[in-house]
Amino acid sequence: MLLGPWVRPLTAVIEQDLHGDTALLTWNLWHVTESVLHAENPYRAGSVYYPIGGNLTTHTYTPGFLPIGLLVRSLQAGEPTWPLAAYRATTWVSFALALFAAFHALRALGAGTLAALAASVAWAFAAVFRSRPFETHLVSVAFLLPLLSLVLARFVMQPQRGRALALAATAAGCVYFSEYYTPFLWLGLWALVGFAACWGDTRATLQSLARTLGRGGVAAAAGLFLLTAAPFLINWSVSHVEPFREDQAYFESANLAGFVVPDPAATPLYSSGLVARLNDRVHRGVGGAALFLGLPVMAFGAVGAVRANPPLRRILLALSATFFVLSLGPELKVFRTNTRLVLPYRALMLVPPFDLARAPARLAALGLWPLVCLQAVGLSHVSAALSRRSRGAGAVLAFASLAWSVAEGRAGGPAPAPFQPPPELFRLPPGAVLNLPVSDRDSFAMFLQVFHGRPIATGHLSRRSLEQIRHVGRLDELLRGEDLHELAGELQRLGIGSAVLARGTPNDVVERLRHAPLQVVDLRDRD
């Protein structure tokens, strides 16, 4: 019911996002699948920004979804739209895994069955994920974080070397699903250890775990972590990209009011005039459309913060507060006001690799999960108390909480539309393709490459090198210049055999291309 509008039909696209992340993530799945099938390094993309290429370790890359790509490609052999179906499938799998992992993680923490189910739905369909349901490099944290928590909880409850190795492999493997969130997940693990060391009871638990593993067990876990992450780390070590502008962290950080004030457009359940007026006041930063915590989470999370056992309560509250504060970005914003109060993220954004993360508001997901854990504990406690007074009352409350979270999770959005690639793309001559208008952030060019398979002179990697930026800038300069001979020479040197025109291509540039030895495909009225 909640996933249907996002995954059907499988060969559909969000037309409004063909120049955005939907295009990039479709390309990601196509690239990793084809690279592995052709025994090539999947972290190296030689066919974008041709002939320079690109390193994908700093891109919004999700090679962990490779099995889905291989499966769908084999099931739809010969069908050019298989990457679309594979990408849609990753959305379904991400949310399904989020529900599954969250439920079992919450059960491992002691939550009742119905309470764990209600909290799992509140988590998987929270505003922070609903606002970007197709961005699998971000939605993947919805299953990565509960999975990591589940493996960690089992290790703490029954410390064994095998479980320590499973924890190390899981922590390292996160990088293959979200290069954006993984450094923060690793930071969270170190923060957890730091917080646990602050109190006597949890410090004793840490010491007991260390004694159980011994030096050999710790060394084995560290070695497996490095071995698992090695393909990423080796390629990442040779990447050279330009950091984001600092002002992006200010624009894309959380507004404190957004956590408690829903956006009626994103959460139609709250469509009253009062809520709309409050939401209209959230002007600076990211608001409730991507941040609203949800009433069940806040209400039962507060109960859990009081009733959970002290060690668990302290750790969860400390982790939640840490990431909620970081999500607020460099300066505190409340409704329409930027208070100019400097926050810890201002220092973190200067430290590699965190300097490559441009949207602090996304860290709200890492603050939300500990709160969801407290919600499950709180709901379990209240349900048990009600059941002792009236048989079945606890189950009714849990079902009511579940229904409320489902109601909050129902949201609209742009409807996917069936897509058929332009037939001209399959008839392009040999050689690279020049996509216009020329841009170093051309997601549409990468989307079309999924179908024609030719190298492209432009592209759109999330983080670009100075060489890539200058390469595209040089092409743009030549296309806008008057020297047609120099333009033709450069196109020949780069091995460009065709040009694809998209909406926004200047007419004067189109006129110049008429004099170049290129096959031109005009898609200006079809993108």
Protein backbone atom coordinates (compact mmCIF):
# COMPACT_ATOMS: atom_id res chain seq x y z
CA MET A 1 0.00 0.00 0.00
CA LEU A 2 2.80 2.40 0.88
CA LEU A 3 5.34 1.16 -1.69
CA GLY A 4 3.02 0.66 -4.66
CA PRO A 5 3.16 4.18 -6.16
CA TRP A 6 6.95 4.13 -5.95
CA VAL A 7 7.70 0.85 -7.68
CA ARG A 8 4.99 0.37 -10.34
CA PRO A 9 5.38 0.06 -13.23
CA LEU A 10 8.93 -1.29 -13.11
CA THR A 11 10.00 0.33 -16.41
CA ALA A 12 8.86 3.78 -15.33
CA VAL A 13 10.76 6.97 -14.61
CA ILE A 14 10.09 10.16 -12.72
CA GLU A 15 10.04 12.49 -15.71
CA GLN A 16 10.71 15.52 -13.52
CA ASP A 17 13.95 13.88 -12.32
CA LEU A 18 15.48 12.68 -15.58
CA HIS A 19 18.04 15.44 -15.07
CA GLY A 20 18.58 14.51 -11.42
CA ASP A 21 19.30 11.64 -9.05
CA THR A 22 16.89 9.14 -10.64
CA ALA A 23 18.97 9.28 -13.81
CA LEU A 24 22.24 8.91 -11.89
CA LEU A 25 21.08 5.98 -9.79
CA THR A 26 19.78 4.14 -12.85
CA TRP A 27 23.18 4.67 -14.45
CA ASN A 28 24.90 3.43 -11.27
CA LEU A 29 23.17 0.07 -11.42
CA TRP A 30 23.79 -0.27 -15.15
CA HIS A 31 27.47 0.61 -14.77
CA VAL A 32 28.30 -1.74 -11.90
CA THR A 33 26.47 -4.62 -13.60
CA GLU A 34 28.17 -4.14 -16.97
CA SER A 35 31.58 -3.56 -15.35
CA VAL A 36 31.46 -6.80 -13.39
CA LEU A 37 30.20 -8.77 -16.41
CA HIS A 38 33.10 -7.41 -18.46
CA ALA A 39 35.66 -7.98 -15.67
CA GLU A 40 36.35 -4.25 -15.29
CA ASN A 41 36.92 -2.18 -12.16
CA PRO A 42 33.42 -1.01 -11.16
CA TYR A 43 34.86 2.00 -9.37
CA ARG A 44 36.41 3.29 -12.56
CA ALA A 45 34.15 4.95 -15.14
CA GLY A 46 36.20 5.53 -18.25
CA SER A 47 33.15 6.31 -20.39
CA VAL A 48 32.13 9.59 -18.69
CA TYR A 49 33.92 12.91 -19.13
CA TYR A 50 35.53 11.03 -21.98
CA PRO A 51 38.47 10.56 -22.39
CA ILE A 52 39.29 11.56 -18.79
CA GLY A 53 36.91 9.22 -16.98
CA GLY A 54 36.03 9.32 -13.31
CA ASN A 55 36.50 7.70 -9.91
CA LEU A 56 33.20 6.56 -8.40
CA THR A 57 34.22 6.27 -4.74
CA THR A 58 33.12 9.86 -4.15
CA HIS A 59 30.00 9.51 -6.28
CA THR A 60 26.50 8.54 -5.05
CA TYR A 61 27.35 4.97 -6.01
CA THR A 62 25.59 1.81 -4.79
CA PRO A 63 27.53 -1.24 -6.03
CA GLY A 64 26.06 -3.31 -3.21
CA PHE A 65 22.88 -3.64 -5.27
CA LEU A 66 24.84 -5.56 -7.94
CA PRO A 67 22.92 -8.84 -7.32
CA ILE A 68 19.67 -7.10 -8.27
CA GLY A 69 21.23 -5.76 -11.45
CA LEU A 70 22.55 -9.18 -12.43
CA LEU A 71 19.23 -10.88 -11.67
CA VAL A 72 17.04 -8.42 -13.58
CA ARG A 73 19.45 -8.30 -16.52
CA SER A 74 19.31 -12.09 -16.82
CA LEU A 75 15.51 -12.16 -16.50
CA GLN A 76 15.09 -9.44 -19.12
CA ALA A 77 17.83 -10.53 -21.49
CA GLY A 78 17.83 -8.38 -24.63
CA GLU A 79 15.43 -5.84 -23.14
CA PRO A 80 17.09 -2.38 -23.22
CA THR A 81 14.99 -1.08 -20.33
CA TRP A 82 16.27 -3.66 -17.82
CA PRO A 83 18.22 -0.97 -15.86
CA LEU A 84 14.93 0.84 -15.21
CA ALA A 85 13.33 -2.29 -13.79
CA ALA A 86 16.43 -3.10 -11.75
CA TYR A 87 16.53 0.39 -10.28
CA ARG A 88 12.84 0.28 -9.34
CA ALA A 89 13.46 -3.09 -7.71
CA THR A 90 16.20 -1.60 -5.52
CA THR A 91 13.64 0.83 -4.12
CA TRP A 92 11.31 -2.01 -3.16
CA VAL A 93 14.16 -4.08 -1.71
CA SER A 94 15.47 -1.14 0.33
CA PHE A 95 12.16 -0.50 2.06
CA ALA A 96 11.41 -4.21 2.51
CA LEU A 97 14.83 -4.77 4.09
CA ALA A 98 14.31 -1.69 6.28
CA LEU A 99 11.12 -3.17 7.71
CA PHE A 100 12.67 -6.61 8.17
CA ALA A 101 15.93 -5.42 9.76
CA ALA A 102 14.24 -2.84 11.98
CA PHE A 103 11.71 -5.36 13.31
CA HIS A 104 14.36 -7.91 14.25
CA ALA A 105 16.68 -5.27 15.71
CA LEU A 106 13.92 -3.91 17.92
CA ARG A 107 12.96 -7.39 19.02
CA ALA A 108 16.60 -8.00 19.94
CA LEU A 109 16.43 -4.91 22.17
CA GLY A 110 13.49 -6.40 24.04
CA ALA A 111 10.50 -4.78 22.33
CA GLY A 112 7.26 -6.72 22.04
CA THR A 113 6.17 -8.13 18.68
CA LEU A 114 3.43 -5.57 17.95
CA ALA A 115 5.46 -2.70 19.34
CA ALA A 116 8.43 -3.67 17.17
CA LEU A 117 6.17 -3.88 14.11
CA ALA A 118 4.63 -0.45 14.77
CA ALA A 119 8.03 1.15 15.35
CA SER A 120 9.47 -0.53 12.24
CA VAL A 121 6.79 1.07 10.06
CA ALA A 122 7.36 4.45 11.73
CA TRP A 123 11.07 4.08 10.93
CA ALA A 124 10.93 2.77 7.36
CA PHE A 125 8.36 5.34 6.23
CA ALA A 126 9.64 8.30 8.22
CA ALA A 127 9.72 11.68 6.49
CA VAL A 128 13.50 11.52 6.12
CA PHE A 129 13.07 8.51 3.79
CA ARG A 130 9.68 9.35 2.28
CA SER A 131 11.06 12.66 1.03
CA ARG A 132 13.60 10.83 -1.16
CA PRO A 133 12.15 7.34 -1.76
CA PHE A 134 14.02 6.76 -5.02
CA GLU A 135 17.46 7.84 -3.80
CA THR A 136 18.70 4.41 -2.85
CA HIS A 137 22.13 5.69 -1.78
CA LEU A 138 20.27 7.49 1.03
CA VAL A 139 17.32 5.16 1.64
CA SER A 140 19.77 2.27 2.05
CA VAL A 141 20.61 3.56 5.54
CA ALA A 142 17.05 2.58 6.48
CA PHE A 143 18.20 -1.05 6.46
CA LEU A 144 21.93 -0.57 7.08
CA LEU A 145 21.49 1.07 10.49
CA PRO A 146 19.00 -1.49 11.91
CA LEU A 147 21.10 -4.33 10.49
CA LEU A 148 24.23 -2.92 12.10
CA SER A 149 22.32 -2.49 15.36
CA LEU A 150 21.03 -6.08 15.23
CA VAL A 151 24.49 -7.54 14.68
CA LEU A 152 25.92 -5.31 17.43
CA ALA A 153 23.16 -6.24 19.91
CA ARG A 154 23.71 -9.96 19.33
CA PHE A 155 27.45 -9.55 19.82
CA VAL A 156 27.00 -7.64 23.08
CA MET A 157 24.46 -10.15 24.43
CA GLN A 158 26.55 -13.18 23.44
CA PRO A 159 30.14 -12.08 22.78
CA GLN A 160 31.80 -14.56 20.47
CA ARG A 161 34.57 -14.17 17.92
CA GLY A 162 32.23 -15.13 15.09
CA ARG A 163 29.79 -12.39 16.05
CA ALA A 164 32.61 -9.87 16.29
CA LEU A 165 33.68 -10.80 12.78
CA ALA A 166 30.09 -10.43 11.57
CA LEU A 167 29.95 -6.96 13.11
CA ALA A 168 33.23 -5.95 11.42
CA ALA A 169 32.09 -7.24 8.02
CA THR A 170 28.70 -5.54 8.33
CA ALA A 171 30.22 -2.20 9.32
CA ALA A 172 32.69 -2.32 6.42
CA GLY A 173 30.09 -3.54 3.93
CA CYS A 174 27.94 -0.46 4.49
CA VAL A 175 30.25 1.50 2.20
CA TYR A 176 29.00 -0.45 -0.82
CA PHE A 177 25.46 0.81 -0.31
CA SER A 178 26.01 4.41 0.80
CA GLU A 179 29.34 6.17 0.58
CA TYR A 180 27.54 9.23 1.99
CA TYR A 181 26.29 7.71 5.24
CA THR A 182 29.03 5.18 5.91
CA PRO A 183 31.63 7.56 7.42
CA PHE A 184 28.93 8.80 9.78
CA LEU A 185 27.93 5.23 10.66
CA TRP A 186 31.54 4.52 11.52
CA LEU A 187 31.66 7.75 13.51
CA GLY A 188 28.53 6.60 15.34
CA LEU A 189 30.19 3.31 16.32
CA TRP A 190 33.15 5.15 17.79
CA ALA A 191 30.78 7.56 19.53
CA LEU A 192 28.93 4.58 21.02
CA VAL A 193 32.18 3.22 22.41
CA GLY A 194 33.05 6.65 23.78
CA PHE A 195 29.67 7.07 25.46
CA ALA A 196 29.81 3.55 26.89
CA ALA A 197 33.17 4.36 28.46
CA CYS A 198 31.64 7.29 30.34
CA TRP A 199 29.59 5.20 32.80
CA GLY A 200 30.71 2.44 35.11
CA ASP A 201 28.22 -0.25 34.09
CA THR A 202 28.67 0.17 30.35
CA ARG A 203 32.42 0.59 30.76
CA ALA A 204 32.50 -2.77 32.51
CA THR A 205 30.63 -4.27 29.54
CA LEU A 206 33.26 -2.89 27.15
CA GLN A 207 36.04 -4.37 29.24
CA SER A 208 34.27 -7.73 29.35
CA LEU A 209 33.87 -7.74 25.57
CA ALA A 210 37.55 -6.92 25.10
CA ARG A 211 38.61 -9.73 27.45
CA THR A 212 36.34 -12.22 25.72
CA LEU A 213 37.76 -11.40 22.28
CA GLY A 214 41.36 -11.05 23.34
CA ARG A 215 44.02 -9.46 21.19
CA GLY A 216 43.66 -12.14 18.56
CA GLY A 217 39.93 -11.60 18.21
CA VAL A 218 40.30 -7.83 17.98
CA ALA A 219 43.04 -8.20 15.38
CA ALA A 220 40.94 -10.65 13.36
CA ALA A 221 37.93 -8.30 13.41
CA ALA A 222 40.07 -5.33 12.38
CA GLY A 223 41.66 -7.37 9.59
CA LEU A 224 38.29 -8.51 8.25
CA PHE A 225 37.00 -4.94 8.36
CA LEU A 226 39.93 -3.72 6.27
CA LEU A 227 39.70 -6.66 3.89
CA THR A 228 35.97 -6.09 3.33
CA ALA A 229 36.38 -2.35 2.75
CA ALA A 230 39.62 -2.68 0.75
CA PRO A 231 38.14 -2.44 -2.79
CA PHE A 232 36.53 0.86 -1.84
CA LEU A 233 39.43 2.22 0.23
CA ILE A 234 42.05 1.45 -2.42
CA ASN A 235 40.11 3.27 -5.12
CA TRP A 236 39.16 6.10 -2.76
CA SER A 237 42.83 6.71 -1.93
CA VAL A 238 43.53 7.79 -5.54
CA SER A 239 40.47 10.00 -6.00
CA HIS A 240 40.90 13.75 -6.32
CA VAL A 241 37.72 15.79 -6.29
CA GLU A 242 36.71 19.32 -5.44
CA PRO A 243 34.85 19.76 -2.12
CA PHE A 244 31.39 21.28 -2.04
CA ARG A 245 30.95 24.96 -1.39
CA GLU A 246 30.64 25.60 2.34
CA ASP A 247 27.38 27.51 1.91
CA GLN A 248 25.64 24.28 0.83
CA ALA A 249 25.99 22.96 4.37
CA TYR A 250 24.13 26.05 5.61
CA PHE A 251 21.28 25.73 3.10
CA GLU A 252 20.87 21.97 3.47
CA SER A 253 20.93 21.72 7.25
CA ALA A 254 17.96 21.04 9.51
CA ASN A 255 15.67 23.71 10.87
CA LEU A 256 14.98 22.79 14.50
CA ALA A 257 11.25 23.39 14.04
CA GLY A 258 11.14 20.86 11.20
CA PHE A 259 11.43 17.95 13.63
CA VAL A 260 8.08 18.73 15.25
CA VAL A 261 6.19 20.69 12.57
CA PRO A 262 4.98 18.49 9.67
CA ASP A 263 4.66 19.73 6.12
CA PRO A 264 1.02 19.11 5.05
CA ALA A 265 2.12 18.56 1.45
CA ALA A 266 4.46 15.74 2.51
CA THR A 267 2.32 14.38 5.36
CA PRO A 268 -1.32 14.97 4.33
CA LEU A 269 -2.56 13.55 7.63
CA TYR A 270 -1.77 16.95 9.15
CA SER A 271 -3.57 19.35 6.83
CA SER A 272 -5.10 21.75 9.32
CA GLY A 273 -4.75 25.48 8.92
CA LEU A 274 -2.68 25.75 12.11
CA VAL A 275 -0.14 23.21 10.89
CA ALA A 276 0.04 24.90 7.49
CA ARG A 277 0.70 28.28 9.11
CA LEU A 278 3.41 26.85 11.34
CA ASN A 279 5.03 25.08 8.41
CA ASP A 280 5.00 28.33 6.41
CA ARG A 281 7.21 29.86 9.10
CA VAL A 282 9.94 27.25 8.57
CA HIS A 283 11.88 29.27 6.02
CA ARG A 284 15.55 28.58 6.62
CA GLY A 285 17.16 25.22 6.05
CA VAL A 286 15.31 21.92 5.67
CA GLY A 287 11.84 21.64 7.22
CA GLY A 288 9.25 19.06 8.15
CA ALA A 289 8.90 17.58 4.65
CA ALA A 290 12.17 15.72 5.27
CA LEU A 291 12.50 15.91 9.05
CA PHE A 292 9.18 15.44 10.85
CA LEU A 293 9.67 12.71 13.46
CA GLY A 294 6.05 11.56 13.67
CA LEU A 295 3.73 11.68 16.66
CA PRO A 296 4.03 7.98 17.66
CA VAL A 297 7.82 8.26 17.64
CA MET A 298 7.82 11.39 19.78
CA ALA A 299 5.12 10.21 22.21
CA PHE A 300 6.33 6.68 22.88
CA GLY A 301 9.97 7.70 22.46
CA ALA A 302 9.47 10.01 25.45
CA VAL A 303 8.04 7.07 27.45
CA GLY A 304 10.97 4.90 26.42
CA ALA A 305 13.41 7.60 27.50
CA VAL A 306 11.98 7.21 31.01
CA ARG A 307 11.24 3.48 31.17
CA ALA A 308 14.12 1.85 29.26
CA ASN A 309 16.82 0.26 31.38
CA PRO A 310 19.41 2.90 32.32
CA PRO A 311 22.42 1.67 30.27
CA LEU A 312 20.36 1.36 27.07
CA ARG A 313 18.55 4.64 27.73
CA ARG A 314 21.78 6.59 28.20
CA ILE A 315 23.42 5.22 25.07
CA LEU A 316 20.36 5.76 22.86
CA LEU A 317 19.71 9.29 24.10
CA ALA A 318 23.37 10.25 23.69
CA LEU A 319 23.54 8.90 20.13
CA SER A 320 20.21 10.48 19.17
CA ALA A 321 21.22 13.88 20.54
CA THR A 322 24.61 13.68 18.81
CA PHE A 323 23.24 13.16 15.33
CA PHE A 324 20.26 15.48 15.72
CA VAL A 325 22.65 18.26 16.73
CA LEU A 326 24.95 17.45 13.79
CA SER A 327 21.96 17.50 11.42
CA LEU A 328 21.34 21.13 12.42
CA GLY A 329 24.48 22.04 10.47
CA PRO A 330 26.97 24.82 11.13
CA GLU A 331 24.47 27.25 12.70
CA LEU A 332 21.19 26.87 14.59
CA LYS A 333 18.05 27.78 12.63
CA VAL A 334 14.59 27.96 14.22
CA PHE A 335 11.56 28.80 12.06
CA ARG A 336 12.51 31.99 10.16
CA THR A 337 15.53 32.84 12.28
CA ASN A 338 19.16 31.93 11.85
CA THR A 339 20.41 32.42 15.40
CA ARG A 340 24.05 32.46 14.22
CA LEU A 341 24.80 30.11 17.11
CA VAL A 342 27.75 28.03 15.92
CA LEU A 343 27.24 24.26 16.24
CA PRO A 344 29.66 21.28 16.22
CA TYR A 345 29.09 20.53 12.53
CA ARG A 346 31.03 23.70 11.74
CA ALA A 347 34.19 21.91 12.89
CA LEU A 348 33.28 18.48 11.49
CA MET A 349 32.77 19.85 7.97
CA LEU A 350 36.46 20.76 7.87
CA VAL A 351 37.62 17.19 8.57
CA PRO A 352 38.07 14.66 5.70
CA PRO A 353 36.06 12.74 4.58
CA PHE A 354 33.21 14.65 6.21
CA ASP A 355 34.14 17.73 4.17
CA LEU A 356 32.62 15.98 1.13
CA ALA A 357 29.16 15.72 2.75
CA ARG A 358 27.04 18.68 1.70
CA ALA A 359 23.68 18.05 3.42
CA PRO A 360 23.82 17.82 7.23
CA ALA A 361 20.01 17.46 7.43
CA ARG A 362 20.37 13.88 6.18
CA LEU A 363 22.01 12.99 9.50
CA ALA A 364 18.57 13.26 11.09
CA ALA A 365 18.09 9.63 10.02
CA LEU A 366 20.93 8.60 12.32
CA GLY A 367 19.38 10.54 15.18
CA LEU A 368 15.94 9.12 14.48
CA TRP A 369 16.89 5.45 14.80
CA PRO A 370 17.84 5.58 18.52
CA LEU A 371 14.58 7.44 19.13
CA VAL A 372 12.66 4.70 17.29
CA CYS A 373 14.36 2.15 19.55
CA LEU A 374 13.09 4.10 22.54
CA GLN A 375 9.65 4.27 20.90
CA ALA A 376 9.52 0.49 20.66
CA VAL A 377 10.57 0.11 24.30
CA GLY A 378 8.09 2.77 25.44
CA LEU A 379 5.21 1.31 23.45
CA SER A 380 6.00 -2.15 24.82
CA HIS A 381 5.92 -0.82 28.36
CA VAL A 382 2.61 1.04 27.96
CA SER A 383 1.01 -1.89 26.12
CA ALA A 384 2.07 -4.30 28.86
CA ALA A 385 0.69 -1.98 31.54
CA LEU A 386 -2.66 -1.69 29.74
CA SER A 387 -2.87 -5.44 29.19
CA ARG A 388 -2.48 -6.04 32.91
CA ARG A 389 -5.55 -3.86 33.50
CA SER A 390 -7.67 -4.98 30.55
CA ARG A 391 -7.05 -7.98 28.36
CA GLY A 392 -6.34 -6.95 24.77
CA ALA A 393 -5.99 -3.24 25.54
CA GLY A 394 -2.24 -3.35 24.95
CA ALA A 395 -2.67 -4.93 21.54
CA VAL A 396 -5.26 -2.30 20.62
CA LEU A 397 -2.80 0.46 21.52
CA ALA A 398 -0.02 -1.14 19.48
CA PHE A 399 -2.30 -1.53 16.47
CA ALA A 400 -3.41 2.11 16.87
CA SER A 401 0.21 3.23 16.86
CA LEU A 402 0.85 1.10 13.77
CA ALA A 403 -2.20 2.56 12.00
CA TRP A 404 -1.12 6.10 12.88
CA SER A 405 2.36 5.52 11.45
CA VAL A 406 0.84 4.05 8.28
CA ALA A 407 -1.39 7.14 7.99
CA GLU A 408 1.63 9.39 8.42
CA GLY A 409 3.56 7.36 5.86
CA ARG A 410 0.99 7.79 3.10
CA ALA A 411 2.19 10.57 0.85
CA GLY A 412 1.80 11.72 -2.71
CA GLY A 413 4.49 12.85 -5.08
CA PRO A 414 5.26 12.76 -8.77
CA ALA A 415 3.81 9.69 -10.46
CA PRO A 416 6.22 7.46 -12.39
CA ALA A 417 5.50 7.26 -16.11
CA PRO A 418 6.41 4.41 -18.51
CA PHE A 419 9.53 5.17 -20.53
CA GLN A 420 10.76 3.94 -23.88
CA PRO A 421 14.22 5.05 -25.00
CA PRO A 422 14.35 7.02 -28.25
CA PRO A 423 15.11 4.54 -31.09
CA GLU A 424 17.71 6.93 -32.55
CA LEU A 425 19.99 6.12 -29.60
CA PHE A 426 20.46 2.58 -30.86
CA ARG A 427 21.57 3.81 -34.28
CA LEU A 428 24.39 6.12 -33.21
CA PRO A 429 27.65 5.78 -35.15
CA PRO A 430 30.84 4.56 -33.46
CA GLY A 431 32.62 7.06 -31.26
CA ALA A 432 31.86 9.20 -28.24
CA VAL A 433 28.70 11.26 -27.78
CA LEU A 434 28.51 14.97 -27.08
CA ASN A 435 25.39 15.86 -25.09
CA LEU A 436 24.04 19.38 -25.20
CA PRO A 437 23.62 21.77 -23.52
CA VAL A 438 27.15 21.13 -22.32
CA SER A 439 27.40 20.75 -18.55
CA ASP A 440 29.64 18.97 -16.06
CA ARG A 441 26.43 18.03 -14.19
CA ASP A 442 24.56 16.35 -17.02
CA SER A 443 22.54 13.52 -15.43
CA PHE A 444 20.44 13.16 -18.57
CA ALA A 445 23.55 12.35 -20.61
CA MET A 446 24.36 9.51 -18.20
CA PHE A 447 20.78 8.27 -18.31
CA LEU A 448 20.87 8.07 -22.11
CA GLN A 449 24.22 6.28 -21.99
CA VAL A 450 22.42 3.38 -20.31
CA PHE A 451 20.75 2.74 -23.68
CA HIS A 452 23.35 3.66 -26.31
CA GLY A 453 26.43 2.49 -24.38
CA ARG A 454 28.81 4.96 -26.07
CA PRO A 455 31.36 7.05 -24.14
CA ILE A 456 30.08 10.55 -23.34
CA ALA A 457 32.14 13.72 -23.29
CA THR A 458 30.22 15.13 -20.31
CA GLY A 459 28.55 13.45 -17.34
CA HIS A 460 27.53 14.05 -13.77
CA LEU A 461 29.47 12.59 -10.89
CA SER A 462 28.40 13.83 -7.47
CA ARG A 463 31.85 15.18 -6.79
CA ARG A 464 34.01 16.23 -9.70
CA SER A 465 37.71 16.77 -10.19
CA LEU A 466 39.17 20.02 -11.45
CA GLU A 467 40.33 18.21 -14.60
CA GLN A 468 36.75 17.11 -15.40
CA ILE A 469 35.39 20.60 -14.83
CA ARG A 470 38.03 22.15 -17.10
CA HIS A 471 37.46 19.51 -19.79
CA VAL A 472 33.74 20.31 -20.02
CA GLY A 473 34.42 24.03 -19.76
CA ARG A 474 36.76 23.82 -22.74
CA LEU A 475 34.07 22.10 -24.84
CA ASP A 476 31.51 24.72 -23.87
CA GLU A 477 33.94 27.50 -24.79
CA LEU A 478 34.56 26.01 -28.23
CA LEU A 479 30.86 25.48 -28.90
CA ARG A 480 30.11 29.10 -28.08
CA GLY A 481 33.07 30.44 -30.05
CA GLU A 482 33.34 31.46 -33.68
CA ASP A 483 36.23 29.22 -34.74
CA LEU A 484 34.43 26.29 -36.37
CA HIS A 485 37.71 24.80 -37.57
CA GLU A 486 39.06 24.59 -34.03
CA LEU A 487 35.77 23.09 -32.83
CA ALA A 488 35.85 20.41 -35.54
CA GLY A 489 39.46 19.60 -34.72
CA GLU A 490 38.74 19.17 -31.01
CA LEU A 491 35.72 16.96 -31.67
CA GLN A 492 37.82 14.79 -33.96
CA ARG A 493 40.64 14.60 -31.40
CA LEU A 494 38.19 13.42 -28.75
CA GLY A 495 36.70 10.83 -31.11
CA ILE A 496 33.19 12.32 -30.91
CA GLY A 497 30.93 10.92 -33.61
CA SER A 498 27.49 12.18 -32.59
CA ALA A 499 25.68 14.84 -30.65
CA VAL A 500 22.43 14.56 -28.66
CA LEU A 501 20.44 17.74 -28.16
CA ALA A 502 18.29 18.10 -25.05
CA ARG A 503 15.97 20.87 -23.92
CA GLY A 504 17.86 24.10 -23.33
CA THR A 505 20.40 23.74 -26.13
CA PRO A 506 21.08 27.26 -27.51
CA ASN A 507 20.00 27.75 -31.12
CA ASP A 508 23.33 29.30 -32.10
CA VAL A 509 25.14 26.19 -30.87
CA VAL A 510 22.78 23.99 -32.90
CA GLU A 511 23.62 26.06 -35.97
CA ARG A 512 27.36 25.59 -35.44
CA LEU A 513 26.95 21.85 -35.12
CA ARG A 514 25.46 21.73 -38.61
CA HIS A 515 28.99 22.40 -39.89
CA ALA A 516 30.60 19.66 -37.80
CA PRO A 517 31.01 16.06 -39.03
CA LEU A 518 28.52 14.69 -36.47
CA GLN A 519 25.29 12.75 -36.49
CA VAL A 520 22.82 14.88 -34.53
CA VAL A 521 19.91 13.45 -32.53
CA ASP A 522 17.43 16.13 -31.51
CA LEU A 523 15.54 15.27 -28.31
CA ARG A 524 14.61 18.80 -27.34
CA ASP A 525 10.92 18.06 -27.48
CA ARG A 526 11.18 14.61 -25.86
CA ASP A 527 13.12 15.01 -22.59
